[in-house]
Amino acid sequence: MAFPETVTLVASVPATFDNNFAVRDQDMRNLYEKAKRDQWNASTDIRWDKDFDPEKGILPEGLIDIYGTKYWERLNRKEQLELNRHFSAWRISQLMYGEQFAMLVCSQLVNILPTLDSKFFMATQVVDEARHAEVLSRYVLEKLGVAYPLTSSLKNLFDQILEMPQWYLKTVGTQLVAETLAVSLFRMFEQHSPDPLISSICKRVLADESRHMGFGMLSLPEQMQELSEKERDEVEDFACEAAAGLLGGQFPREAYEAVGFSKAEVDDIKQMRHEIAQKNEYVFFRKYFKKDFHSSLWNNMSRCGLMSDRAIARLGSMGITAPQQAAAA
């Protein structure tokens, strides 16, 4: 599948040199110690040759838009597995690009963060994100045999975050919003994928992601308190816009076309997605991913002081409500 091998974006940030080597934030240094302790090697710690079985499928079939519809029923089992392979490759490709994006943002943050405690930790996250991009790309290319391009909506969001000068906006976009989404996806894949190899990969990645979320929770609340009301409004708006960007425009058209669906059929599938969701209740999406992502995003924004009435209204327009309200719905 042809798409550009490299894309260059001009995204410069200031470099802050910290002359104070004393520990000023013990919690952040503790996070750094955990990161050093818990490193793993994608080449030697993953059972590449033993766990993969494509005949069982890759990702849960309930995630595929046409599951349970006439389009799914007309496919024989071999064709269903082939669609699962392409759908999974499309979905995991987006995560793969997201991990490379996170690596680039975190490398910027090493420069721009104001204290050595946070720089030390962020340097370990650069390594983590490189490892995640490595392990997912190896899985996609070696096991699934096909990769798909980054969606335009994700690229637009990634470009915007890379071009931002403020470290706290980069952290909100990456650790607070994008990482929250990625954690929900990795958790669902780890717990429910029929392929034990991608499940084991996601389990490893999740152990790292918990530290990355911890950085946001340690660094953002105090910084938000130091901002003016106008600046906090801008951060809230950006968090909501980033969430909308991650949730919107994510339709695997290329995966359907790769297995032989016509353009008209793919257009029909895209149109009927909401109807399909109502009929089969998207078992995995509704029960695991959607609930997990919505509640985690709400709680994390609240902890960081980014949950004003304005933010509540904007999140509500996307169907994201307080966890207790969502549970009662």
C-alpha atoms as a PDB file:
ATOM      1  CA  MET A   1       0.000   0.000   0.000  1.00  0.00           C
ATOM      2  CA  ALA A   2       1.654   3.192  -1.208  1.00  0.00           C
ATOM      3  CA  PHE A   3       1.931   6.194   1.086  1.00  0.00           C
ATOM      4  CA  PRO A   4       4.831   8.573   1.847  1.00  0.00           C
ATOM      5  CA  GLU A   5       7.676   7.036   3.823  1.00  0.00           C
ATOM      6  CA  THR A   6       8.493  10.319   5.551  1.00  0.00           C
ATOM      7  CA  VAL A   7       6.587  13.487   6.352  1.00  0.00           C
ATOM      8  CA  THR A   8       8.490  16.544   7.591  1.00  0.00           C
ATOM      9  CA  LEU A   9       6.874  19.063   9.908  1.00  0.00           C
ATOM     10  CA  VAL A  10       8.572  22.223  11.166  1.00  0.00           C
ATOM     11  CA  ALA A  11       7.941  22.040  14.909  1.00  0.00           C
ATOM     12  CA  SER A  12      10.521  23.850  17.045  1.00  0.00           C
ATOM     13  CA  VAL A  13      10.419  24.248  20.828  1.00  0.00           C
ATOM     14  CA  PRO A  14      12.662  26.118  23.267  1.00  0.00           C
ATOM     15  CA  ALA A  15      15.273  24.171  25.207  1.00  0.00           C
ATOM     16  CA  THR A  16      15.345  24.816  28.958  1.00  0.00           C
ATOM     17  CA  PHE A  17      18.576  23.897  30.737  1.00  0.00           C
ATOM     18  CA  ASP A  18      18.146  23.252  34.467  1.00  0.00           C
ATOM     19  CA  ASN A  19      21.235  23.992  36.557  1.00  0.00           C
ATOM     20  CA  ASN A  20      19.685  22.666  39.768  1.00  0.00           C
ATOM     21  CA  PHE A  21      20.401  18.943  40.087  1.00  0.00           C
ATOM     22  CA  ALA A  22      18.842  18.593  43.538  1.00  0.00           C
ATOM     23  CA  VAL A  23      15.672  16.503  43.856  1.00  0.00           C
ATOM     24  CA  ARG A  24      12.770  18.959  44.040  1.00  0.00           C
ATOM     25  CA  ASP A  25       9.879  16.631  43.237  1.00  0.00           C
ATOM     26  CA  GLN A  26      10.309  13.293  44.989  1.00  0.00           C
ATOM     27  CA  ASP A  27       7.169  11.806  43.461  1.00  0.00           C
ATOM     28  CA  MET A  28       8.458  12.554  39.973  1.00  0.00           C
ATOM     29  CA  ARG A  29      11.857  11.067  40.824  1.00  0.00           C
ATOM     30  CA  ASN A  30      10.075   7.973  42.162  1.00  0.00           C
ATOM     31  CA  LEU A  31       8.256   7.669  38.836  1.00  0.00           C
ATOM     32  CA  TYR A  32      11.627   7.915  37.098  1.00  0.00           C
ATOM     33  CA  GLU A  33      12.989   5.099  39.295  1.00  0.00           C
ATOM     34  CA  LYS A  34      10.004   2.899  38.401  1.00  0.00           C
ATOM     35  CA  ALA A  35      10.583   3.599  34.713  1.00  0.00           C
ATOM     36  CA  LYS A  36      14.221   2.502  34.963  1.00  0.00           C
ATOM     37  CA  ARG A  37      13.268  -0.607  36.913  1.00  0.00           C
ATOM     38  CA  ASP A  38      10.483  -1.752  34.591  1.00  0.00           C
ATOM     39  CA  GLN A  39      12.098  -1.516  31.141  1.00  0.00           C
ATOM     40  CA  TRP A  40      11.534  -4.469  28.791  1.00  0.00           C
ATOM     41  CA  ASN A  41      12.897  -5.572  25.436  1.00  0.00           C
ATOM     42  CA  ALA A  42      10.474  -6.072  22.537  1.00  0.00           C
ATOM     43  CA  SER A  43      12.933  -8.462  20.863  1.00  0.00           C
ATOM     44  CA  THR A  44      13.458 -10.840  23.784  1.00  0.00           C
ATOM     45  CA  ASP A  45      10.486 -10.443  26.145  1.00  0.00           C
ATOM     46  CA  ILE A  46       7.732 -11.152  23.586  1.00  0.00           C
ATOM     47  CA  ARG A  47       7.043 -14.747  22.487  1.00  0.00           C
ATOM     48  CA  TRP A  48       7.037 -13.921  18.771  1.00  0.00           C
ATOM     49  CA  ASP A  49       7.259 -17.499  17.483  1.00  0.00           C
ATOM     50  CA  LYS A  50       4.917 -19.262  19.887  1.00  0.00           C
ATOM     51  CA  ASP A  51       1.737 -17.319  20.501  1.00  0.00           C
ATOM     52  CA  PHE A  52       0.405 -16.188  17.118  1.00  0.00           C
ATOM     53  CA  ASP A  53      -2.553 -18.103  15.630  1.00  0.00           C
ATOM     54  CA  PRO A  54      -4.343 -16.180  12.838  1.00  0.00           C
ATOM     55  CA  GLU A  55      -7.032 -18.878  12.583  1.00  0.00           C
ATOM     56  CA  LYS A  56      -8.458 -17.619  15.866  1.00  0.00           C
ATOM     57  CA  GLY A  57      -8.765 -14.037  14.616  1.00  0.00           C
ATOM     58  CA  ILE A  58      -6.853 -10.986  15.792  1.00  0.00           C
ATOM     59  CA  LEU A  59      -9.154  -8.408  17.410  1.00  0.00           C
ATOM     60  CA  PRO A  60     -12.637  -9.168  18.791  1.00  0.00           C
ATOM     61  CA  GLU A  61     -15.126  -9.586  15.950  1.00  0.00           C
ATOM     62  CA  GLY A  62     -17.637  -7.431  17.833  1.00  0.00           C
ATOM     63  CA  LEU A  63     -15.464  -4.422  17.001  1.00  0.00           C
ATOM     64  CA  ILE A  64     -15.924  -4.863  13.258  1.00  0.00           C
ATOM     65  CA  ASP A  65     -18.619  -2.510  11.984  1.00  0.00           C
ATOM     66  CA  ILE A  66     -20.470  -5.134   9.944  1.00  0.00           C
ATOM     67  CA  TYR A  67     -20.443  -7.846  12.624  1.00  0.00           C
ATOM     68  CA  GLY A  68     -23.928  -9.349  12.892  1.00  0.00           C
ATOM     69  CA  THR A  69     -25.192  -7.717   9.678  1.00  0.00           C
ATOM     70  CA  LYS A  70     -26.010  -9.035   6.206  1.00  0.00           C
ATOM     71  CA  TYR A  71     -22.520  -8.076   5.096  1.00  0.00           C
ATOM     72  CA  TRP A  72     -20.935 -10.257   7.770  1.00  0.00           C
ATOM     73  CA  GLU A  73     -23.296 -13.185   7.234  1.00  0.00           C
ATOM     74  CA  ARG A  74     -22.565 -13.383   3.507  1.00  0.00           C
ATOM     75  CA  LEU A  75     -18.858 -14.018   4.196  1.00  0.00           C
ATOM     76  CA  ASN A  76     -17.590 -17.532   4.760  1.00  0.00           C
ATOM     77  CA  ARG A  77     -15.315 -18.179   7.728  1.00  0.00           C
ATOM     78  CA  LYS A  78     -12.147 -17.723   5.708  1.00  0.00           C
ATOM     79  CA  GLU A  79     -13.386 -14.370   4.410  1.00  0.00           C
ATOM     80  CA  GLN A  80     -14.404 -13.267   7.914  1.00  0.00           C
ATOM     81  CA  LEU A  81     -10.911 -14.036   9.197  1.00  0.00           C
ATOM     82  CA  GLU A  82      -9.386 -12.129   6.270  1.00  0.00           C
ATOM     83  CA  LEU A  83     -11.543  -9.094   7.068  1.00  0.00           C
ATOM     84  CA  ASN A  84     -10.536  -9.413  10.719  1.00  0.00           C
ATOM     85  CA  ARG A  85      -6.866  -9.391   9.654  1.00  0.00           C
ATOM     86  CA  HIS A  86      -7.260  -6.228   7.590  1.00  0.00           C
ATOM     87  CA  PHE A  87      -9.499  -4.506  10.127  1.00  0.00           C
ATOM     88  CA  SER A  88      -7.013  -5.348  12.886  1.00  0.00           C
ATOM     89  CA  ALA A  89      -4.086  -4.146  10.777  1.00  0.00           C
ATOM     90  CA  TRP A  90      -5.908  -0.854  10.167  1.00  0.00           C
ATOM     91  CA  ARG A  91      -6.724  -0.356  13.851  1.00  0.00           C
ATOM     92  CA  ILE A  92      -3.294  -1.352  15.160  1.00  0.00           C
ATOM     93  CA  SER A  93      -1.619   0.780  12.470  1.00  0.00           C
ATOM     94  CA  GLN A  94      -3.309   3.852  13.960  1.00  0.00           C
ATOM     95  CA  LEU A  95      -1.922   2.931  17.387  1.00  0.00           C
ATOM     96  CA  MET A  96       1.502   2.329  15.841  1.00  0.00           C
ATOM     97  CA  TYR A  97       1.564   5.846  14.375  1.00  0.00           C
ATOM     98  CA  GLY A  98       0.262   7.211  17.654  1.00  0.00           C
ATOM     99  CA  GLU A  99       3.203   5.697  19.516  1.00  0.00           C
ATOM    100  CA  GLN A 100       5.685   7.259  17.094  1.00  0.00           C
ATOM    101  CA  PHE A 101       3.878  10.581  17.498  1.00  0.00           C
ATOM    102  CA  ALA A 102       4.137  10.249  21.282  1.00  0.00           C
ATOM    103  CA  MET A 103       7.868   9.570  20.932  1.00  0.00           C
ATOM    104  CA  LEU A 104       8.298  12.808  18.979  1.00  0.00           C
ATOM    105  CA  VAL A 105       6.237  14.871  21.443  1.00  0.00           C
ATOM    106  CA  CYS A 106       8.054  13.420  24.447  1.00  0.00           C
ATOM    107  CA  SER A 107      11.406  14.221  22.858  1.00  0.00           C
ATOM    108  CA  GLN A 108      10.201  17.818  22.589  1.00  0.00           C
ATOM    109  CA  LEU A 109       9.093  17.737  26.226  1.00  0.00           C
ATOM    110  CA  VAL A 110      12.585  16.702  27.382  1.00  0.00           C
ATOM    111  CA  ASN A 111      13.730  20.072  26.016  1.00  0.00           C
ATOM    112  CA  ILE A 112      10.871  22.240  27.150  1.00  0.00           C
ATOM    113  CA  LEU A 113       9.988  20.921  30.623  1.00  0.00           C
ATOM    114  CA  PRO A 114      11.201  23.328  33.321  1.00  0.00           C
ATOM    115  CA  THR A 115      12.707  20.942  35.919  1.00  0.00           C
ATOM    116  CA  LEU A 116      15.279  18.174  35.835  1.00  0.00           C
ATOM    117  CA  ASP A 117      12.984  15.802  37.753  1.00  0.00           C
ATOM    118  CA  SER A 118      10.431  15.921  34.938  1.00  0.00           C
ATOM    119  CA  LYS A 119      13.121  15.842  32.215  1.00  0.00           C
ATOM    120  CA  PHE A 120      14.622  12.666  33.672  1.00  0.00           C
ATOM    121  CA  PHE A 121      11.273  10.899  33.622  1.00  0.00           C
ATOM    122  CA  MET A 122      10.340  12.187  30.178  1.00  0.00           C
ATOM    123  CA  ALA A 123      13.588  10.802  28.747  1.00  0.00           C
ATOM    124  CA  THR A 124      12.418   7.333  29.837  1.00  0.00           C
ATOM    125  CA  GLN A 125       9.076   7.887  28.148  1.00  0.00           C
ATOM    126  CA  VAL A 126      10.848   8.607  24.856  1.00  0.00           C
ATOM    127  CA  VAL A 127      12.376   5.127  25.160  1.00  0.00           C
ATOM    128  CA  ASP A 128       9.003   3.627  26.099  1.00  0.00           C
ATOM    129  CA  GLU A 129       7.251   5.137  23.093  1.00  0.00           C
ATOM    130  CA  ALA A 130      10.032   3.997  20.757  1.00  0.00           C
ATOM    131  CA  ARG A 131       9.614   0.459  22.092  1.00  0.00           C
ATOM    132  CA  HIS A 132       5.836   0.616  21.611  1.00  0.00           C
ATOM    133  CA  ALA A 133       6.211   1.807  18.022  1.00  0.00           C
ATOM    134  CA  GLU A 134       8.776  -0.956  17.461  1.00  0.00           C
ATOM    135  CA  VAL A 135       6.671  -3.780  18.896  1.00  0.00           C
ATOM    136  CA  LEU A 136       3.459  -2.730  17.120  1.00  0.00           C
ATOM    137  CA  SER A 137       5.196  -2.216  13.781  1.00  0.00           C
ATOM    138  CA  ARG A 138       6.814  -5.636  14.045  1.00  0.00           C
ATOM    139  CA  TYR A 139       3.436  -7.211  14.806  1.00  0.00           C
ATOM    140  CA  VAL A 140       1.712  -5.394  11.929  1.00  0.00           C
ATOM    141  CA  LEU A 141       4.417  -6.064   9.341  1.00  0.00           C
ATOM    142  CA  GLU A 142       5.571  -9.552  10.330  1.00  0.00           C
ATOM    143  CA  LYS A 143       2.340 -11.133  11.572  1.00  0.00           C
ATOM    144  CA  LEU A 144      -0.459  -9.301   9.758  1.00  0.00           C
ATOM    145  CA  GLY A 145       1.514  -8.546   6.617  1.00  0.00           C
ATOM    146  CA  VAL A 146      -0.156  -5.224   5.855  1.00  0.00           C
ATOM    147  CA  ALA A 147      -0.025  -1.676   7.238  1.00  0.00           C
ATOM    148  CA  TYR A 148      -2.465   1.167   6.660  1.00  0.00           C
ATOM    149  CA  PRO A 149      -1.819   4.928   6.523  1.00  0.00           C
ATOM    150  CA  LEU A 150      -2.549   7.352   9.333  1.00  0.00           C
ATOM    151  CA  THR A 151      -6.025   8.889   9.152  1.00  0.00           C
ATOM    152  CA  SER A 152      -6.228  12.575   8.290  1.00  0.00           C
ATOM    153  CA  SER A 153      -8.048  13.450  11.531  1.00  0.00           C
ATOM    154  CA  LEU A 154      -5.300  11.898  13.646  1.00  0.00           C
ATOM    155  CA  LYS A 155      -2.566  13.503  11.552  1.00  0.00           C
ATOM    156  CA  ASN A 156      -4.163  16.927  11.985  1.00  0.00           C
ATOM    157  CA  LEU A 157      -4.282  16.465  15.761  1.00  0.00           C
ATOM    158  CA  PHE A 158      -0.709  15.156  15.933  1.00  0.00           C
ATOM    159  CA  ASP A 159       0.587  18.070  13.832  1.00  0.00           C
ATOM    160  CA  GLN A 160      -1.220  20.558  16.044  1.00  0.00           C
ATOM    161  CA  ILE A 161       0.280  19.139  19.236  1.00  0.00           C
ATOM    162  CA  LEU A 162       3.782  18.988  17.780  1.00  0.00           C
ATOM    163  CA  GLU A 163       3.567  22.652  16.769  1.00  0.00           C
ATOM    164  CA  MET A 164       2.366  23.898  20.178  1.00  0.00           C
ATOM    165  CA  PRO A 165       4.982  25.789  22.214  1.00  0.00           C
ATOM    166  CA  GLN A 166       3.532  25.210  25.728  1.00  0.00           C
ATOM    167  CA  TRP A 167       4.606  22.029  27.510  1.00  0.00           C
ATOM    168  CA  TYR A 168       1.352  21.744  29.403  1.00  0.00           C
ATOM    169  CA  LEU A 169      -0.733  21.781  26.201  1.00  0.00           C
ATOM    170  CA  LYS A 170       1.471  19.066  24.731  1.00  0.00           C
ATOM    171  CA  THR A 171       1.011  17.073  27.942  1.00  0.00           C
ATOM    172  CA  VAL A 172      -2.763  17.542  27.919  1.00  0.00           C
ATOM    173  CA  GLY A 173      -2.976  16.460  24.282  1.00  0.00           C
ATOM    174  CA  THR A 174      -0.668  13.480  24.719  1.00  0.00           C
ATOM    175  CA  GLN A 175      -0.768  12.172  28.299  1.00  0.00           C
ATOM    176  CA  LEU A 176      -4.229  13.347  29.301  1.00  0.00           C
ATOM    177  CA  VAL A 177      -6.267  12.700  26.133  1.00  0.00           C
ATOM    178  CA  ALA A 178      -4.381  10.514  23.620  1.00  0.00           C
ATOM    179  CA  GLU A 179      -2.876   8.232  26.281  1.00  0.00           C
ATOM    180  CA  THR A 180      -6.292   7.848  27.929  1.00  0.00           C
ATOM    181  CA  LEU A 181      -7.757   6.670  24.630  1.00  0.00           C
ATOM    182  CA  ALA A 182      -4.803   4.385  23.929  1.00  0.00           C
ATOM    183  CA  VAL A 183      -4.976   2.824  27.396  1.00  0.00           C
ATOM    184  CA  SER A 184      -8.659   1.996  26.899  1.00  0.00           C
ATOM    185  CA  LEU A 185      -7.921   0.365  23.543  1.00  0.00           C
ATOM    186  CA  PHE A 186      -4.885  -1.554  24.816  1.00  0.00           C
ATOM    187  CA  ARG A 187      -6.832  -2.743  27.852  1.00  0.00           C
ATOM    188  CA  MET A 188      -9.709  -4.005  25.702  1.00  0.00           C
ATOM    189  CA  PHE A 189      -7.317  -5.748  23.295  1.00  0.00           C
ATOM    190  CA  GLU A 190      -5.336  -7.291  26.158  1.00  0.00           C
ATOM    191  CA  GLN A 191      -8.426  -8.694  27.852  1.00  0.00           C
ATOM    192  CA  HIS A 192     -10.559  -9.747  24.895  1.00  0.00           C
ATOM    193  CA  SER A 193      -8.479 -10.385  21.770  1.00  0.00           C
ATOM    194  CA  PRO A 194      -8.503 -14.019  20.629  1.00  0.00           C
ATOM    195  CA  ASP A 195      -4.851 -13.720  19.564  1.00  0.00           C
ATOM    196  CA  PRO A 196      -2.596 -14.295  22.590  1.00  0.00           C
ATOM    197  CA  LEU A 197       0.339 -12.505  20.931  1.00  0.00           C
ATOM    198  CA  ILE A 198      -1.345  -9.107  20.589  1.00  0.00           C
ATOM    199  CA  SER A 199      -2.826  -9.660  24.041  1.00  0.00           C
ATOM    200  CA  SER A 200       0.632 -10.162  25.566  1.00  0.00           C
ATOM    201  CA  ILE A 201       1.997  -7.132  23.689  1.00  0.00           C
ATOM    202  CA  CYS A 202      -0.811  -4.949  25.009  1.00  0.00           C
ATOM    203  CA  LYS A 203      -0.197  -6.181  28.538  1.00  0.00           C
ATOM    204  CA  ARG A 204       3.428  -5.052  28.314  1.00  0.00           C
ATOM    205  CA  VAL A 205       2.464  -1.689  26.815  1.00  0.00           C
ATOM    206  CA  LEU A 206      -0.143  -1.064  29.519  1.00  0.00           C
ATOM    207  CA  ALA A 207       2.479  -1.401  32.249  1.00  0.00           C
ATOM    208  CA  ASP A 208       4.344   1.523  30.661  1.00  0.00           C
ATOM    209  CA  GLU A 209       1.217   3.568  29.981  1.00  0.00           C
ATOM    210  CA  SER A 210       0.318   3.660  33.676  1.00  0.00           C
ATOM    211  CA  ARG A 211       3.558   5.589  34.323  1.00  0.00           C
ATOM    212  CA  HIS A 212       2.854   7.969  31.453  1.00  0.00           C
ATOM    213  CA  MET A 213      -0.580   8.742  32.867  1.00  0.00           C
ATOM    214  CA  GLY A 214       1.102   9.232  36.226  1.00  0.00           C
ATOM    215  CA  PHE A 215       3.312  11.955  34.775  1.00  0.00           C
ATOM    216  CA  GLY A 216       0.265  13.926  33.645  1.00  0.00           C
ATOM    217  CA  MET A 217      -1.414  13.560  37.003  1.00  0.00           C
ATOM    218  CA  LEU A 218       1.734  14.728  38.819  1.00  0.00           C
ATOM    219  CA  SER A 219       2.608  17.635  36.539  1.00  0.00           C
ATOM    220  CA  LEU A 220      -0.672  19.135  35.348  1.00  0.00           C
ATOM    221  CA  PRO A 221      -2.823  19.990  38.426  1.00  0.00           C
ATOM    222  CA  GLU A 222      -0.356  22.480  39.910  1.00  0.00           C
ATOM    223  CA  GLN A 223       0.337  24.019  36.514  1.00  0.00           C
ATOM    224  CA  MET A 224      -3.393  24.483  35.839  1.00  0.00           C
ATOM    225  CA  GLN A 225      -3.733  26.397  39.109  1.00  0.00           C
ATOM    226  CA  GLU A 226      -1.052  28.830  37.974  1.00  0.00           C
ATOM    227  CA  LEU A 227      -2.865  29.696  34.733  1.00  0.00           C
ATOM    228  CA  SER A 228      -5.303  32.555  34.324  1.00  0.00           C
ATOM    229  CA  GLU A 229      -8.985  31.761  33.855  1.00  0.00           C
ATOM    230  CA  LYS A 230      -8.667  32.527  30.148  1.00  0.00           C
ATOM    231  CA  GLU A 231      -5.670  30.223  29.800  1.00  0.00           C
ATOM    232  CA  ARG A 232      -7.489  27.400  31.624  1.00  0.00           C
ATOM    233  CA  ASP A 233     -10.454  27.871  29.299  1.00  0.00           C
ATOM    234  CA  GLU A 234      -8.101  27.492  26.356  1.00  0.00           C
ATOM    235  CA  VAL A 235      -6.657  24.283  27.822  1.00  0.00           C
ATOM    236  CA  GLU A 236     -10.141  22.882  28.472  1.00  0.00           C
ATOM    237  CA  ASP A 237     -11.209  23.720  24.944  1.00  0.00           C
ATOM    238  CA  PHE A 238      -8.150  22.027  23.532  1.00  0.00           C
ATOM    239  CA  ALA A 239      -8.699  18.881  25.633  1.00  0.00           C
ATOM    240  CA  CYS A 240     -12.273  18.632  24.342  1.00  0.00           C
ATOM    241  CA  GLU A 241     -11.193  19.308  20.755  1.00  0.00           C
ATOM    242  CA  ALA A 242      -8.478  16.667  21.022  1.00  0.00           C
ATOM    243  CA  ALA A 243     -10.984  14.119  22.334  1.00  0.00           C
ATOM    244  CA  ALA A 244     -13.347  14.916  19.464  1.00  0.00           C
ATOM    245  CA  GLY A 245     -10.487  14.571  16.977  1.00  0.00           C
ATOM    246  CA  LEU A 246      -9.540  11.150  18.340  1.00  0.00           C
ATOM    247  CA  LEU A 247     -13.122   9.884  18.293  1.00  0.00           C
ATOM    248  CA  GLY A 248     -14.091  11.303  14.908  1.00  0.00           C
ATOM    249  CA  GLY A 249     -13.147  10.254  11.411  1.00  0.00           C
ATOM    250  CA  GLN A 250     -11.923   6.787  12.376  1.00  0.00           C
ATOM    251  CA  PHE A 251     -13.512   4.566   9.729  1.00  0.00           C
ATOM    252  CA  PRO A 252     -11.480   1.696   8.190  1.00  0.00           C
ATOM    253  CA  ARG A 253     -12.583   2.215   4.589  1.00  0.00           C
ATOM    254  CA  GLU A 254      -9.332   0.836   3.185  1.00  0.00           C
ATOM    255  CA  ALA A 255      -9.718  -2.428   5.137  1.00  0.00           C
ATOM    256  CA  TYR A 256     -13.156  -3.093   3.654  1.00  0.00           C
ATOM    257  CA  GLU A 257     -11.972  -2.238   0.160  1.00  0.00           C
ATOM    258  CA  ALA A 258      -8.974  -4.569   0.550  1.00  0.00           C
ATOM    259  CA  VAL A 259     -11.260  -7.602   1.000  1.00  0.00           C
ATOM    260  CA  GLY A 260     -13.470  -6.780  -1.974  1.00  0.00           C
ATOM    261  CA  PHE A 261     -16.319  -4.564  -0.773  1.00  0.00           C
ATOM    262  CA  SER A 262     -17.358  -2.033  -3.417  1.00  0.00           C
ATOM    263  CA  LYS A 263     -17.317   1.699  -2.842  1.00  0.00           C
ATOM    264  CA  ALA A 264     -21.128   1.728  -2.663  1.00  0.00           C
ATOM    265  CA  GLU A 265     -21.112  -1.061  -0.072  1.00  0.00           C
ATOM    266  CA  VAL A 266     -18.464   0.678   2.013  1.00  0.00           C
ATOM    267  CA  ASP A 267     -20.463   3.911   1.883  1.00  0.00           C
ATOM    268  CA  ASP A 268     -23.532   1.983   3.043  1.00  0.00           C
ATOM    269  CA  ILE A 269     -21.575   0.378   5.890  1.00  0.00           C
ATOM    270  CA  LYS A 270     -20.353   3.779   7.021  1.00  0.00           C
ATOM    271  CA  GLN A 271     -23.877   5.175   6.898  1.00  0.00           C
ATOM    272  CA  MET A 272     -25.395   2.321   8.881  1.00  0.00           C
ATOM    273  CA  ARG A 273     -22.777   2.267  11.665  1.00  0.00           C
ATOM    274  CA  HIS A 274     -25.039   3.926  14.226  1.00  0.00           C
ATOM    275  CA  GLU A 275     -27.934   1.647  13.324  1.00  0.00           C
ATOM    276  CA  ILE A 276     -25.638  -1.369  13.644  1.00  0.00           C
ATOM    277  CA  ALA A 277     -24.499  -0.149  17.064  1.00  0.00           C
ATOM    278  CA  GLN A 278     -28.097   0.006  18.279  1.00  0.00           C
ATOM    279  CA  LYS A 279     -28.886  -3.519  17.041  1.00  0.00           C
ATOM    280  CA  ASN A 280     -25.927  -5.490  18.339  1.00  0.00           C
ATOM    281  CA  GLU A 281     -24.995  -2.990  21.064  1.00  0.00           C
ATOM    282  CA  TYR A 282     -21.364  -3.201  19.960  1.00  0.00           C
ATOM    283  CA  VAL A 283     -20.738  -5.595  22.822  1.00  0.00           C
ATOM    284  CA  PHE A 284     -17.024  -4.893  23.213  1.00  0.00           C
ATOM    285  CA  PHE A 285     -17.112  -1.235  22.212  1.00  0.00           C
ATOM    286  CA  ARG A 286     -19.971  -0.250  24.533  1.00  0.00           C
ATOM    287  CA  LYS A 287     -19.165  -2.489  27.467  1.00  0.00           C
ATOM    288  CA  TYR A 288     -15.416  -2.058  27.587  1.00  0.00           C
ATOM    289  CA  PHE A 289     -13.838   0.648  25.470  1.00  0.00           C
ATOM    290  CA  LYS A 290     -16.479   3.381  25.492  1.00  0.00           C
ATOM    291  CA  LYS A 291     -17.223   3.112  29.205  1.00  0.00           C
ATOM    292  CA  ASP A 292     -13.538   2.912  30.101  1.00  0.00           C
ATOM    293  CA  PHE A 293     -12.420   5.821  27.921  1.00  0.00           C
ATOM    294  CA  HIS A 294     -15.272   8.141  28.867  1.00  0.00           C
ATOM    295  CA  SER A 295     -14.932   7.586  32.614  1.00  0.00           C
ATOM    296  CA  SER A 296     -11.120   7.796  32.541  1.00  0.00           C
ATOM    297  CA  LEU A 297     -11.116  11.012  30.514  1.00  0.00           C
ATOM    298  CA  TRP A 298     -13.714  12.578  32.797  1.00  0.00           C
ATOM    299  CA  ASN A 299     -11.831  11.600  35.956  1.00  0.00           C
ATOM    300  CA  ASN A 300      -8.438  12.706  34.632  1.00  0.00           C
ATOM    301  CA  MET A 301      -9.711  16.092  33.465  1.00  0.00           C
ATOM    302  CA  SER A 302     -11.387  16.566  36.845  1.00  0.00           C
ATOM    303  CA  ARG A 303      -8.186  15.742  38.729  1.00  0.00           C
ATOM    304  CA  CYS A 304      -6.311  18.316  36.682  1.00  0.00           C
ATOM    305  CA  GLY A 305      -8.856  21.075  37.319  1.00  0.00           C
ATOM    306  CA  LEU A 306     -10.226  21.096  33.778  1.00  0.00           C
ATOM    307  CA  MET A 307     -13.880  20.331  34.426  1.00  0.00           C
ATOM    308  CA  SER A 308     -15.759  23.622  34.390  1.00  0.00           C
ATOM    309  CA  ASP A 309     -19.399  23.907  33.318  1.00  0.00           C
ATOM    310  CA  ARG A 310     -18.108  24.767  29.846  1.00  0.00           C
ATOM    311  CA  ALA A 311     -16.098  21.555  29.637  1.00  0.00           C
ATOM    312  CA  ILE A 312     -18.999  19.509  31.001  1.00  0.00           C
ATOM    313  CA  ALA A 313     -21.246  20.892  28.272  1.00  0.00           C
ATOM    314  CA  ARG A 314     -18.707  20.231  25.518  1.00  0.00           C
ATOM    315  CA  LEU A 315     -18.043  16.691  26.697  1.00  0.00           C
ATOM    316  CA  GLY A 316     -21.776  16.112  27.014  1.00  0.00           C
ATOM    317  CA  SER A 317     -22.250  17.061  23.365  1.00  0.00           C
ATOM    318  CA  MET A 318     -19.923  14.133  22.549  1.00  0.00           C
ATOM    319  CA  GLY A 319     -21.865  11.762  24.774  1.00  0.00           C
ATOM    320  CA  ILE A 320     -19.264  11.865  27.550  1.00  0.00           C
ATOM    321  CA  THR A 321     -20.839  12.289  30.986  1.00  0.00           C
ATOM    322  CA  ALA A 322     -19.855  11.828  34.620  1.00  0.00           C
ATOM    323  CA  PRO A 323     -19.106   8.127  35.356  1.00  0.00           C
ATOM    324  CA  GLN A 324     -22.036   7.820  37.771  1.00  0.00           C
ATOM    325  CA  GLN A 325     -24.400   9.281  35.190  1.00  0.00           C
ATOM    326  CA  ALA A 326     -23.065   6.960  32.498  1.00  0.00           C
ATOM    327  CA  ALA A 327     -23.541   3.952  34.780  1.00  0.00           C
ATOM    328  CA  ALA A 328     -27.170   4.907  35.383  1.00  0.00           C
ATOM    329  CA  ALA A 329     -27.930   5.368  31.666  1.00  0.00           C
END
